[in-house]
Amino acid sequence: MLKRIALLLLLVAPMSLFAQKFAHFKSMDIIPVMPEYAKAQTDIQALQKQYEDEIKRASDEFSKKFAEYQQEQKTLPQNIQERRQKELQEMQEKGIQFQQEAQQQLQKAYTDMMDPIYKKLEDAVKAIGAAGGYTYVFDLNRTDIPYIDENVSKDVTNDIKTKLGISLTAVPATPAASATTTPAN
Protein backbone atom coordinates (compact mmCIF):
# COMPACT_ATOMS: atom_id res chain seq x y z
CA MET A 1 0.00 0.00 0.00
CA LEU A 2 2.79 2.45 0.91
CA LYS A 3 4.54 1.61 -2.35
CA ARG A 4 1.40 2.52 -4.32
CA ILE A 5 1.06 5.84 -2.48
CA ALA A 6 4.75 6.63 -3.04
CA LEU A 7 4.44 5.74 -6.72
CA LEU A 8 1.32 7.89 -7.04
CA LEU A 9 3.10 10.81 -5.37
CA LEU A 10 6.07 10.45 -7.72
CA LEU A 11 3.74 10.52 -10.70
CA VAL A 12 1.63 13.43 -9.45
CA ALA A 13 4.48 15.66 -8.18
CA PRO A 14 5.91 16.45 -11.64
CA MET A 15 2.40 17.19 -12.91
CA SER A 16 2.06 19.97 -10.33
CA LEU A 17 5.06 21.69 -11.91
CA PHE A 18 3.17 21.91 -15.19
CA ALA A 19 0.21 23.52 -13.46
CA GLN A 20 2.23 26.66 -12.69
CA LYS A 21 1.15 29.85 -14.40
CA PHE A 22 3.58 32.46 -15.66
CA ALA A 23 3.09 36.02 -16.77
CA HIS A 24 5.24 38.82 -18.09
CA PHE A 25 4.99 42.55 -18.71
CA LYS A 26 7.08 45.44 -19.98
CA SER A 27 7.57 48.14 -17.37
CA MET A 28 8.76 50.61 -20.02
CA ASP A 29 5.35 50.35 -21.66
CA ILE A 30 3.75 51.34 -18.33
CA ILE A 31 5.99 53.76 -16.42
CA PRO A 32 6.24 56.46 -19.12
CA VAL A 33 2.42 56.68 -19.35
CA MET A 34 1.90 57.03 -15.61
CA PRO A 35 0.85 60.60 -14.69
CA GLU A 36 3.27 60.54 -11.75
CA TYR A 37 6.13 59.90 -14.14
CA ALA A 38 5.39 62.98 -16.26
CA LYS A 39 5.26 65.13 -13.11
CA ALA A 40 8.53 63.64 -11.83
CA GLN A 41 10.23 64.35 -15.16
CA THR A 42 8.98 67.95 -15.15
CA ASP A 43 10.13 68.46 -11.56
CA ILE A 44 13.56 66.96 -12.27
CA GLN A 45 14.00 69.16 -15.33
CA ALA A 46 13.06 72.26 -13.33
CA LEU A 47 15.55 71.35 -10.60
CA GLN A 48 18.21 70.57 -13.18
CA LYS A 49 17.65 73.97 -14.80
CA GLN A 50 18.10 75.70 -11.42
CA TYR A 51 21.40 73.91 -10.87
CA GLU A 52 22.55 74.65 -14.42
CA ASP A 53 21.70 78.34 -13.98
CA GLU A 54 23.66 78.50 -10.72
CA ILE A 55 26.63 76.69 -12.26
CA LYS A 56 26.58 79.09 -15.22
CA ARG A 57 26.39 82.10 -12.88
CA ALA A 58 29.37 80.85 -10.86
CA SER A 59 31.29 80.04 -14.05
CA ASP A 60 30.61 83.50 -15.47
CA GLU A 61 31.76 85.09 -12.20
CA PHE A 62 34.95 83.02 -12.26
CA SER A 63 35.61 83.91 -15.91
CA LYS A 64 35.12 87.62 -15.17
CA LYS A 65 37.50 87.55 -12.18
CA PHE A 66 40.05 85.52 -14.12
CA ALA A 67 39.94 87.99 -17.03
CA GLU A 68 40.40 90.90 -14.60
CA TYR A 69 43.33 89.13 -12.98
CA GLN A 70 45.00 88.49 -16.34
CA GLN A 71 44.69 92.17 -17.28
CA GLU A 72 46.11 93.41 -13.96
CA GLN A 73 48.59 90.61 -13.35
CA LYS A 74 51.69 92.39 -14.67
CA THR A 75 51.04 95.54 -12.63
CA LEU A 76 50.31 93.84 -9.31
CA PRO A 77 52.87 93.22 -6.60
CA GLN A 78 53.81 89.55 -6.03
CA ASN A 79 51.86 89.15 -2.77
CA ILE A 80 48.62 90.49 -4.33
CA GLN A 81 49.12 88.21 -7.36
CA GLU A 82 49.48 85.21 -5.06
CA ARG A 83 46.40 86.18 -3.06
CA ARG A 84 44.31 86.57 -6.23
CA GLN A 85 45.60 83.30 -7.63
CA LYS A 86 44.59 81.62 -4.39
CA GLU A 87 41.13 83.24 -4.59
CA LEU A 88 40.71 82.05 -8.18
CA GLN A 89 41.83 78.54 -7.27
CA GLU A 90 39.37 78.45 -4.35
CA MET A 91 36.57 79.69 -6.62
CA GLN A 92 37.38 76.99 -9.15
CA GLU A 93 37.49 74.27 -6.48
CA LYS A 94 34.17 75.45 -5.02
CA GLY A 95 32.66 75.43 -8.50
CA ILE A 96 33.79 71.84 -9.10
CA GLN A 97 32.54 70.81 -5.67
CA PHE A 98 29.16 72.45 -6.33
CA GLN A 99 28.84 70.64 -9.67
CA GLN A 100 29.49 67.33 -7.95
CA GLU A 101 27.02 68.12 -5.17
CA ALA A 102 24.44 69.26 -7.73
CA GLN A 103 24.80 65.96 -9.62
CA GLN A 104 24.39 64.02 -6.37
CA GLN A 105 21.34 66.08 -5.38
CA LEU A 106 19.79 65.57 -8.82
CA GLN A 107 20.37 61.82 -8.56
CA LYS A 108 18.84 61.77 -5.07
CA ALA A 109 15.85 63.83 -6.21
CA TYR A 110 15.36 61.51 -9.19
CA THR A 111 15.47 58.46 -6.91
CA ASP A 112 13.12 60.08 -4.39
CA MET A 113 10.62 60.91 -7.13
CA MET A 114 10.86 57.56 -8.92
CA ASP A 115 10.72 55.25 -5.88
CA PRO A 116 6.98 55.82 -5.26
CA ILE A 117 6.31 55.21 -8.97
CA TYR A 118 8.20 51.92 -8.89
CA LYS A 119 6.42 50.97 -5.66
CA LYS A 120 3.01 51.69 -7.20
CA LEU A 121 3.92 49.56 -10.23
CA GLU A 122 5.21 46.77 -8.00
CA ASP A 123 1.99 46.79 -5.96
CA ALA A 124 -0.08 46.56 -9.16
CA VAL A 125 2.06 43.67 -10.42
CA LYS A 126 1.63 41.84 -7.12
CA ALA A 127 -2.14 42.38 -7.26
CA ILE A 128 -2.36 41.11 -10.86
CA GLY A 129 -0.10 38.18 -9.99
CA ALA A 130 -2.19 37.18 -6.99
CA ALA A 131 -5.51 37.69 -8.79
CA GLY A 132 -4.35 35.65 -11.79
CA GLY A 133 -2.79 32.93 -9.69
CA TYR A 134 0.59 33.35 -11.37
CA THR A 135 3.67 31.68 -9.94
CA TYR A 136 5.98 34.27 -11.50
CA VAL A 137 5.44 37.63 -13.19
CA PHE A 138 8.54 38.74 -15.08
CA ASP A 139 9.39 42.29 -16.15
CA LEU A 140 10.94 41.84 -19.58
CA ASN A 141 12.59 45.26 -19.35
CA ARG A 142 14.47 44.33 -16.18
CA THR A 143 15.05 40.61 -16.77
CA ASP A 144 17.10 39.34 -19.65
CA ILE A 145 14.85 36.59 -20.96
CA PRO A 146 15.61 35.85 -24.61
CA TYR A 147 12.47 33.85 -25.31
CA ILE A 148 8.90 33.84 -24.02
CA ASP A 149 6.43 31.16 -25.07
CA GLU A 150 3.13 33.04 -25.33
CA ASN A 151 1.28 29.74 -24.80
CA VAL A 152 2.83 29.34 -21.34
CA SER A 153 3.34 32.94 -20.22
CA LYS A 154 0.62 35.59 -20.49
CA ASP A 155 1.43 39.23 -21.26
CA VAL A 156 -0.23 41.18 -18.43
CA THR A 157 1.04 44.65 -19.41
CA ASN A 158 -2.46 45.85 -20.27
CA ASP A 159 -3.90 44.28 -17.11
CA ILE A 160 -1.40 46.26 -15.03
CA LYS A 161 -2.23 49.47 -16.92
CA THR A 162 -5.92 48.88 -16.21
CA LYS A 163 -5.16 48.20 -12.53
CA LEU A 164 -3.30 51.53 -12.39
CA GLY A 165 -6.16 53.35 -14.10
CA ILE A 166 -4.13 54.06 -17.23
CA SER A 167 -5.84 54.10 -20.61
CA LEU A 168 -4.62 51.33 -22.90
CA THR A 169 -4.15 53.94 -25.62
CA ALA A 170 -2.22 56.36 -23.39
CA VAL A 171 0.98 57.78 -24.81
CA PRO A 172 3.88 59.08 -22.76
CA ALA A 173 3.41 62.69 -21.72
CA THR A 174 6.17 65.07 -22.66
CA PRO A 175 7.25 67.37 -19.84
CA ALA A 176 6.76 71.08 -20.44
CA ALA A 177 10.44 71.90 -20.04
CA SER A 178 12.91 71.23 -22.81
CA ALA A 179 14.05 67.65 -23.13
CA THR A 180 17.19 66.94 -21.16
CA THR A 181 18.84 63.81 -20.00
CA THR A 182 17.82 62.49 -16.63
CA PRO A 183 20.20 60.87 -14.20
CA ALA A 184 20.54 57.18 -14.48
CA ASN A 185 18.79 55.02 -11.96
C-alpha atoms as a PDB file:
ATOM      1  CA  MET A   1       0.000   0.000   0.000  1.00  0.00           C
ATOM      2  CA  LEU A   2       2.787   2.447   0.909  1.00  0.00           C
ATOM      3  CA  LYS A   3       4.544   1.612  -2.350  1.00  0.00           C
ATOM      4  CA  ARG A   4       1.402   2.517  -4.325  1.00  0.00           C
ATOM      5  CA  ILE A   5       1.065   5.843  -2.477  1.00  0.00           C
ATOM      6  CA  ALA A   6       4.749   6.626  -3.038  1.00  0.00           C
ATOM      7  CA  LEU A   7       4.436   5.741  -6.719  1.00  0.00           C
ATOM      8  CA  LEU A   8       1.317   7.885  -7.036  1.00  0.00           C
ATOM      9  CA  LEU A   9       3.105  10.811  -5.371  1.00  0.00           C
ATOM     10  CA  LEU A  10       6.072  10.449  -7.715  1.00  0.00           C
ATOM     11  CA  LEU A  11       3.745  10.524 -10.701  1.00  0.00           C
ATOM     12  CA  VAL A  12       1.628  13.426  -9.455  1.00  0.00           C
ATOM     13  CA  ALA A  13       4.477  15.661  -8.181  1.00  0.00           C
ATOM     14  CA  PRO A  14       5.908  16.446 -11.638  1.00  0.00           C
ATOM     15  CA  MET A  15       2.402  17.190 -12.906  1.00  0.00           C
ATOM     16  CA  SER A  16       2.062  19.971 -10.331  1.00  0.00           C
ATOM     17  CA  LEU A  17       5.059  21.687 -11.906  1.00  0.00           C
ATOM     18  CA  PHE A  18       3.175  21.908 -15.189  1.00  0.00           C
ATOM     19  CA  ALA A  19       0.213  23.517 -13.465  1.00  0.00           C
ATOM     20  CA  GLN A  20       2.228  26.657 -12.685  1.00  0.00           C
ATOM     21  CA  LYS A  21       1.150  29.850 -14.404  1.00  0.00           C
ATOM     22  CA  PHE A  22       3.579  32.456 -15.655  1.00  0.00           C
ATOM     23  CA  ALA A  23       3.088  36.024 -16.771  1.00  0.00           C
ATOM     24  CA  HIS A  24       5.236  38.821 -18.094  1.00  0.00           C
ATOM     25  CA  PHE A  25       4.987  42.553 -18.710  1.00  0.00           C
ATOM     26  CA  LYS A  26       7.078  45.440 -19.978  1.00  0.00           C
ATOM     27  CA  SER A  27       7.575  48.137 -17.367  1.00  0.00           C
ATOM     28  CA  MET A  28       8.758  50.605 -20.015  1.00  0.00           C
ATOM     29  CA  ASP A  29       5.346  50.351 -21.662  1.00  0.00           C
ATOM     30  CA  ILE A  30       3.753  51.335 -18.334  1.00  0.00           C
ATOM     31  CA  ILE A  31       5.995  53.755 -16.419  1.00  0.00           C
ATOM     32  CA  PRO A  32       6.236  56.463 -19.115  1.00  0.00           C
ATOM     33  CA  VAL A  33       2.418  56.684 -19.350  1.00  0.00           C
ATOM     34  CA  MET A  34       1.902  57.029 -15.607  1.00  0.00           C
ATOM     35  CA  PRO A  35       0.846  60.600 -14.691  1.00  0.00           C
ATOM     36  CA  GLU A  36       3.267  60.542 -11.753  1.00  0.00           C
ATOM     37  CA  TYR A  37       6.135  59.898 -14.143  1.00  0.00           C
ATOM     38  CA  ALA A  38       5.391  62.980 -16.263  1.00  0.00           C
ATOM     39  CA  LYS A  39       5.262  65.128 -13.113  1.00  0.00           C
ATOM     40  CA  ALA A  40       8.530  63.642 -11.826  1.00  0.00           C
ATOM     41  CA  GLN A  41      10.229  64.351 -15.156  1.00  0.00           C
ATOM     42  CA  THR A  42       8.978  67.954 -15.153  1.00  0.00           C
ATOM     43  CA  ASP A  43      10.134  68.460 -11.556  1.00  0.00           C
ATOM     44  CA  ILE A  44      13.561  66.959 -12.269  1.00  0.00           C
ATOM     45  CA  GLN A  45      13.999  69.160 -15.330  1.00  0.00           C
ATOM     46  CA  ALA A  46      13.062  72.263 -13.333  1.00  0.00           C
ATOM     47  CA  LEU A  47      15.547  71.348 -10.603  1.00  0.00           C
ATOM     48  CA  GLN A  48      18.208  70.568 -13.176  1.00  0.00           C
ATOM     49  CA  LYS A  49      17.646  73.970 -14.801  1.00  0.00           C
ATOM     50  CA  GLN A  50      18.096  75.701 -11.423  1.00  0.00           C
ATOM     51  CA  TYR A  51      21.404  73.906 -10.874  1.00  0.00           C
ATOM     52  CA  GLU A  52      22.552  74.649 -14.425  1.00  0.00           C
ATOM     53  CA  ASP A  53      21.695  78.335 -13.979  1.00  0.00           C
ATOM     54  CA  GLU A  54      23.663  78.502 -10.721  1.00  0.00           C
ATOM     55  CA  ILE A  55      26.630  76.692 -12.263  1.00  0.00           C
ATOM     56  CA  LYS A  56      26.580  79.093 -15.217  1.00  0.00           C
ATOM     57  CA  ARG A  57      26.394  82.098 -12.882  1.00  0.00           C
ATOM     58  CA  ALA A  58      29.368  80.845 -10.865  1.00  0.00           C
ATOM     59  CA  SER A  59      31.294  80.041 -14.050  1.00  0.00           C
ATOM     60  CA  ASP A  60      30.613  83.503 -15.467  1.00  0.00           C
ATOM     61  CA  GLU A  61      31.762  85.087 -12.200  1.00  0.00           C
ATOM     62  CA  PHE A  62      34.952  83.023 -12.261  1.00  0.00           C
ATOM     63  CA  SER A  63      35.605  83.914 -15.909  1.00  0.00           C
ATOM     64  CA  LYS A  64      35.120  87.617 -15.171  1.00  0.00           C
ATOM     65  CA  LYS A  65      37.503  87.554 -12.177  1.00  0.00           C
ATOM     66  CA  PHE A  66      40.050  85.523 -14.121  1.00  0.00           C
ATOM     67  CA  ALA A  67      39.945  87.985 -17.030  1.00  0.00           C
ATOM     68  CA  GLU A  68      40.395  90.904 -14.600  1.00  0.00           C
ATOM     69  CA  TYR A  69      43.333  89.135 -12.982  1.00  0.00           C
ATOM     70  CA  GLN A  70      44.997  88.492 -16.343  1.00  0.00           C
ATOM     71  CA  GLN A  71      44.689  92.169 -17.282  1.00  0.00           C
ATOM     72  CA  GLU A  72      46.105  93.411 -13.961  1.00  0.00           C
ATOM     73  CA  GLN A  73      48.589  90.614 -13.353  1.00  0.00           C
ATOM     74  CA  LYS A  74      51.688  92.390 -14.667  1.00  0.00           C
ATOM     75  CA  THR A  75      51.039  95.540 -12.629  1.00  0.00           C
ATOM     76  CA  LEU A  76      50.310  93.842  -9.306  1.00  0.00           C
ATOM     77  CA  PRO A  77      52.870  93.217  -6.600  1.00  0.00           C
ATOM     78  CA  GLN A  78      53.809  89.550  -6.031  1.00  0.00           C
ATOM     79  CA  ASN A  79      51.861  89.148  -2.771  1.00  0.00           C
ATOM     80  CA  ILE A  80      48.621  90.488  -4.332  1.00  0.00           C
ATOM     81  CA  GLN A  81      49.121  88.212  -7.358  1.00  0.00           C
ATOM     82  CA  GLU A  82      49.483  85.206  -5.060  1.00  0.00           C
ATOM     83  CA  ARG A  83      46.398  86.179  -3.064  1.00  0.00           C
ATOM     84  CA  ARG A  84      44.306  86.574  -6.228  1.00  0.00           C
ATOM     85  CA  GLN A  85      45.602  83.297  -7.634  1.00  0.00           C
ATOM     86  CA  LYS A  86      44.590  81.618  -4.392  1.00  0.00           C
ATOM     87  CA  GLU A  87      41.126  83.245  -4.587  1.00  0.00           C
ATOM     88  CA  LEU A  88      40.711  82.045  -8.177  1.00  0.00           C
ATOM     89  CA  GLN A  89      41.835  78.545  -7.266  1.00  0.00           C
ATOM     90  CA  GLU A  90      39.373  78.448  -4.354  1.00  0.00           C
ATOM     91  CA  MET A  91      36.572  79.691  -6.623  1.00  0.00           C
ATOM     92  CA  GLN A  92      37.380  76.995  -9.151  1.00  0.00           C
ATOM     93  CA  GLU A  93      37.486  74.273  -6.476  1.00  0.00           C
ATOM     94  CA  LYS A  94      34.166  75.454  -5.022  1.00  0.00           C
ATOM     95  CA  GLY A  95      32.661  75.433  -8.504  1.00  0.00           C
ATOM     96  CA  ILE A  96      33.789  71.844  -9.099  1.00  0.00           C
ATOM     97  CA  GLN A  97      32.536  70.814  -5.667  1.00  0.00           C
ATOM     98  CA  PHE A  98      29.163  72.455  -6.325  1.00  0.00           C
ATOM     99  CA  GLN A  99      28.841  70.641  -9.670  1.00  0.00           C
ATOM    100  CA  GLN A 100      29.494  67.326  -7.948  1.00  0.00           C
ATOM    101  CA  GLU A 101      27.016  68.122  -5.169  1.00  0.00           C
ATOM    102  CA  ALA A 102      24.436  69.256  -7.727  1.00  0.00           C
ATOM    103  CA  GLN A 103      24.801  65.965  -9.618  1.00  0.00           C
ATOM    104  CA  GLN A 104      24.388  64.019  -6.370  1.00  0.00           C
ATOM    105  CA  GLN A 105      21.342  66.077  -5.384  1.00  0.00           C
ATOM    106  CA  LEU A 106      19.788  65.566  -8.824  1.00  0.00           C
ATOM    107  CA  GLN A 107      20.370  61.821  -8.556  1.00  0.00           C
ATOM    108  CA  LYS A 108      18.844  61.768  -5.068  1.00  0.00           C
ATOM    109  CA  ALA A 109      15.846  63.830  -6.209  1.00  0.00           C
ATOM    110  CA  TYR A 110      15.361  61.509  -9.189  1.00  0.00           C
ATOM    111  CA  THR A 111      15.466  58.460  -6.914  1.00  0.00           C
ATOM    112  CA  ASP A 112      13.117  60.079  -4.386  1.00  0.00           C
ATOM    113  CA  MET A 113      10.617  60.905  -7.129  1.00  0.00           C
ATOM    114  CA  MET A 114      10.855  57.560  -8.921  1.00  0.00           C
ATOM    115  CA  ASP A 115      10.725  55.250  -5.884  1.00  0.00           C
ATOM    116  CA  PRO A 116       6.985  55.817  -5.261  1.00  0.00           C
ATOM    117  CA  ILE A 117       6.313  55.210  -8.968  1.00  0.00           C
ATOM    118  CA  TYR A 118       8.204  51.915  -8.893  1.00  0.00           C
ATOM    119  CA  LYS A 119       6.421  50.973  -5.657  1.00  0.00           C
ATOM    120  CA  LYS A 120       3.014  51.693  -7.204  1.00  0.00           C
ATOM    121  CA  LEU A 121       3.918  49.562 -10.231  1.00  0.00           C
ATOM    122  CA  GLU A 122       5.215  46.775  -7.996  1.00  0.00           C
ATOM    123  CA  ASP A 123       1.995  46.790  -5.961  1.00  0.00           C
ATOM    124  CA  ALA A 124      -0.082  46.560  -9.156  1.00  0.00           C
ATOM    125  CA  VAL A 125       2.064  43.674 -10.418  1.00  0.00           C
ATOM    126  CA  LYS A 126       1.626  41.835  -7.116  1.00  0.00           C
ATOM    127  CA  ALA A 127      -2.143  42.376  -7.256  1.00  0.00           C
ATOM    128  CA  ILE A 128      -2.359  41.106 -10.856  1.00  0.00           C
ATOM    129  CA  GLY A 129      -0.100  38.178  -9.994  1.00  0.00           C
ATOM    130  CA  ALA A 130      -2.194  37.183  -6.992  1.00  0.00           C
ATOM    131  CA  ALA A 131      -5.509  37.693  -8.785  1.00  0.00           C
ATOM    132  CA  GLY A 132      -4.354  35.651 -11.789  1.00  0.00           C
ATOM    133  CA  GLY A 133      -2.794  32.926  -9.692  1.00  0.00           C
ATOM    134  CA  TYR A 134       0.587  33.350 -11.367  1.00  0.00           C
ATOM    135  CA  THR A 135       3.670  31.675  -9.937  1.00  0.00           C
ATOM    136  CA  TYR A 136       5.977  34.274 -11.500  1.00  0.00           C
ATOM    137  CA  VAL A 137       5.441  37.633 -13.190  1.00  0.00           C
ATOM    138  CA  PHE A 138       8.543  38.744 -15.084  1.00  0.00           C
ATOM    139  CA  ASP A 139       9.391  42.291 -16.149  1.00  0.00           C
ATOM    140  CA  LEU A 140      10.941  41.842 -19.578  1.00  0.00           C
ATOM    141  CA  ASN A 141      12.593  45.265 -19.351  1.00  0.00           C
ATOM    142  CA  ARG A 142      14.470  44.327 -16.180  1.00  0.00           C
ATOM    143  CA  THR A 143      15.047  40.608 -16.765  1.00  0.00           C
ATOM    144  CA  ASP A 144      17.102  39.343 -19.645  1.00  0.00           C
ATOM    145  CA  ILE A 145      14.852  36.590 -20.956  1.00  0.00           C
ATOM    146  CA  PRO A 146      15.615  35.849 -24.608  1.00  0.00           C
ATOM    147  CA  TYR A 147      12.468  33.853 -25.311  1.00  0.00           C
ATOM    148  CA  ILE A 148       8.898  33.841 -24.017  1.00  0.00           C
ATOM    149  CA  ASP A 149       6.426  31.160 -25.075  1.00  0.00           C
ATOM    150  CA  GLU A 150       3.125  33.043 -25.329  1.00  0.00           C
ATOM    151  CA  ASN A 151       1.276  29.736 -24.802  1.00  0.00           C
ATOM    152  CA  VAL A 152       2.830  29.335 -21.345  1.00  0.00           C
ATOM    153  CA  SER A 153       3.335  32.940 -20.219  1.00  0.00           C
ATOM    154  CA  LYS A 154       0.623  35.594 -20.488  1.00  0.00           C
ATOM    155  CA  ASP A 155       1.431  39.235 -21.257  1.00  0.00           C
ATOM    156  CA  VAL A 156      -0.227  41.184 -18.428  1.00  0.00           C
ATOM    157  CA  THR A 157       1.039  44.647 -19.409  1.00  0.00           C
ATOM    158  CA  ASN A 158      -2.464  45.854 -20.269  1.00  0.00           C
ATOM    159  CA  ASP A 159      -3.897  44.277 -17.105  1.00  0.00           C
ATOM    160  CA  ILE A 160      -1.396  46.264 -15.034  1.00  0.00           C
ATOM    161  CA  LYS A 161      -2.232  49.469 -16.923  1.00  0.00           C
ATOM    162  CA  THR A 162      -5.918  48.877 -16.210  1.00  0.00           C
ATOM    163  CA  LYS A 163      -5.164  48.197 -12.529  1.00  0.00           C
ATOM    164  CA  LEU A 164      -3.299  51.527 -12.393  1.00  0.00           C
ATOM    165  CA  GLY A 165      -6.157  53.354 -14.101  1.00  0.00           C
ATOM    166  CA  ILE A 166      -4.128  54.064 -17.233  1.00  0.00           C
ATOM    167  CA  SER A 167      -5.837  54.101 -20.611  1.00  0.00           C
ATOM    168  CA  LEU A 168      -4.617  51.332 -22.900  1.00  0.00           C
ATOM    169  CA  THR A 169      -4.150  53.945 -25.618  1.00  0.00           C
ATOM    170  CA  ALA A 170      -2.221  56.364 -23.387  1.00  0.00           C
ATOM    171  CA  VAL A 171       0.976  57.783 -24.810  1.00  0.00           C
ATOM    172  CA  PRO A 172       3.883  59.080 -22.756  1.00  0.00           C
ATOM    173  CA  ALA A 173       3.408  62.690 -21.720  1.00  0.00           C
ATOM    174  CA  THR A 174       6.170  65.065 -22.659  1.00  0.00           C
ATOM    175  CA  PRO A 175       7.251  67.373 -19.838  1.00  0.00           C
ATOM    176  CA  ALA A 176       6.756  71.080 -20.439  1.00  0.00           C
ATOM    177  CA  ALA A 177      10.438  71.904 -20.038  1.00  0.00           C
ATOM    178  CA  SER A 178      12.908  71.232 -22.808  1.00  0.00           C
ATOM    179  CA  ALA A 179      14.047  67.652 -23.134  1.00  0.00           C
ATOM    180  CA  THR A 180      17.189  66.938 -21.162  1.00  0.00           C
ATOM    181  CA  THR A 181      18.840  63.806 -19.998  1.00  0.00           C
ATOM    182  CA  THR A 182      17.824  62.492 -16.629  1.00  0.00           C
ATOM    183  CA  PRO A 183      20.202  60.875 -14.197  1.00  0.00           C
ATOM    184  CA  ALA A 184      20.545  57.181 -14.484  1.00  0.00           C
ATOM    185  CA  ASN A 185      18.788  55.019 -11.965  1.00  0.00           C
END
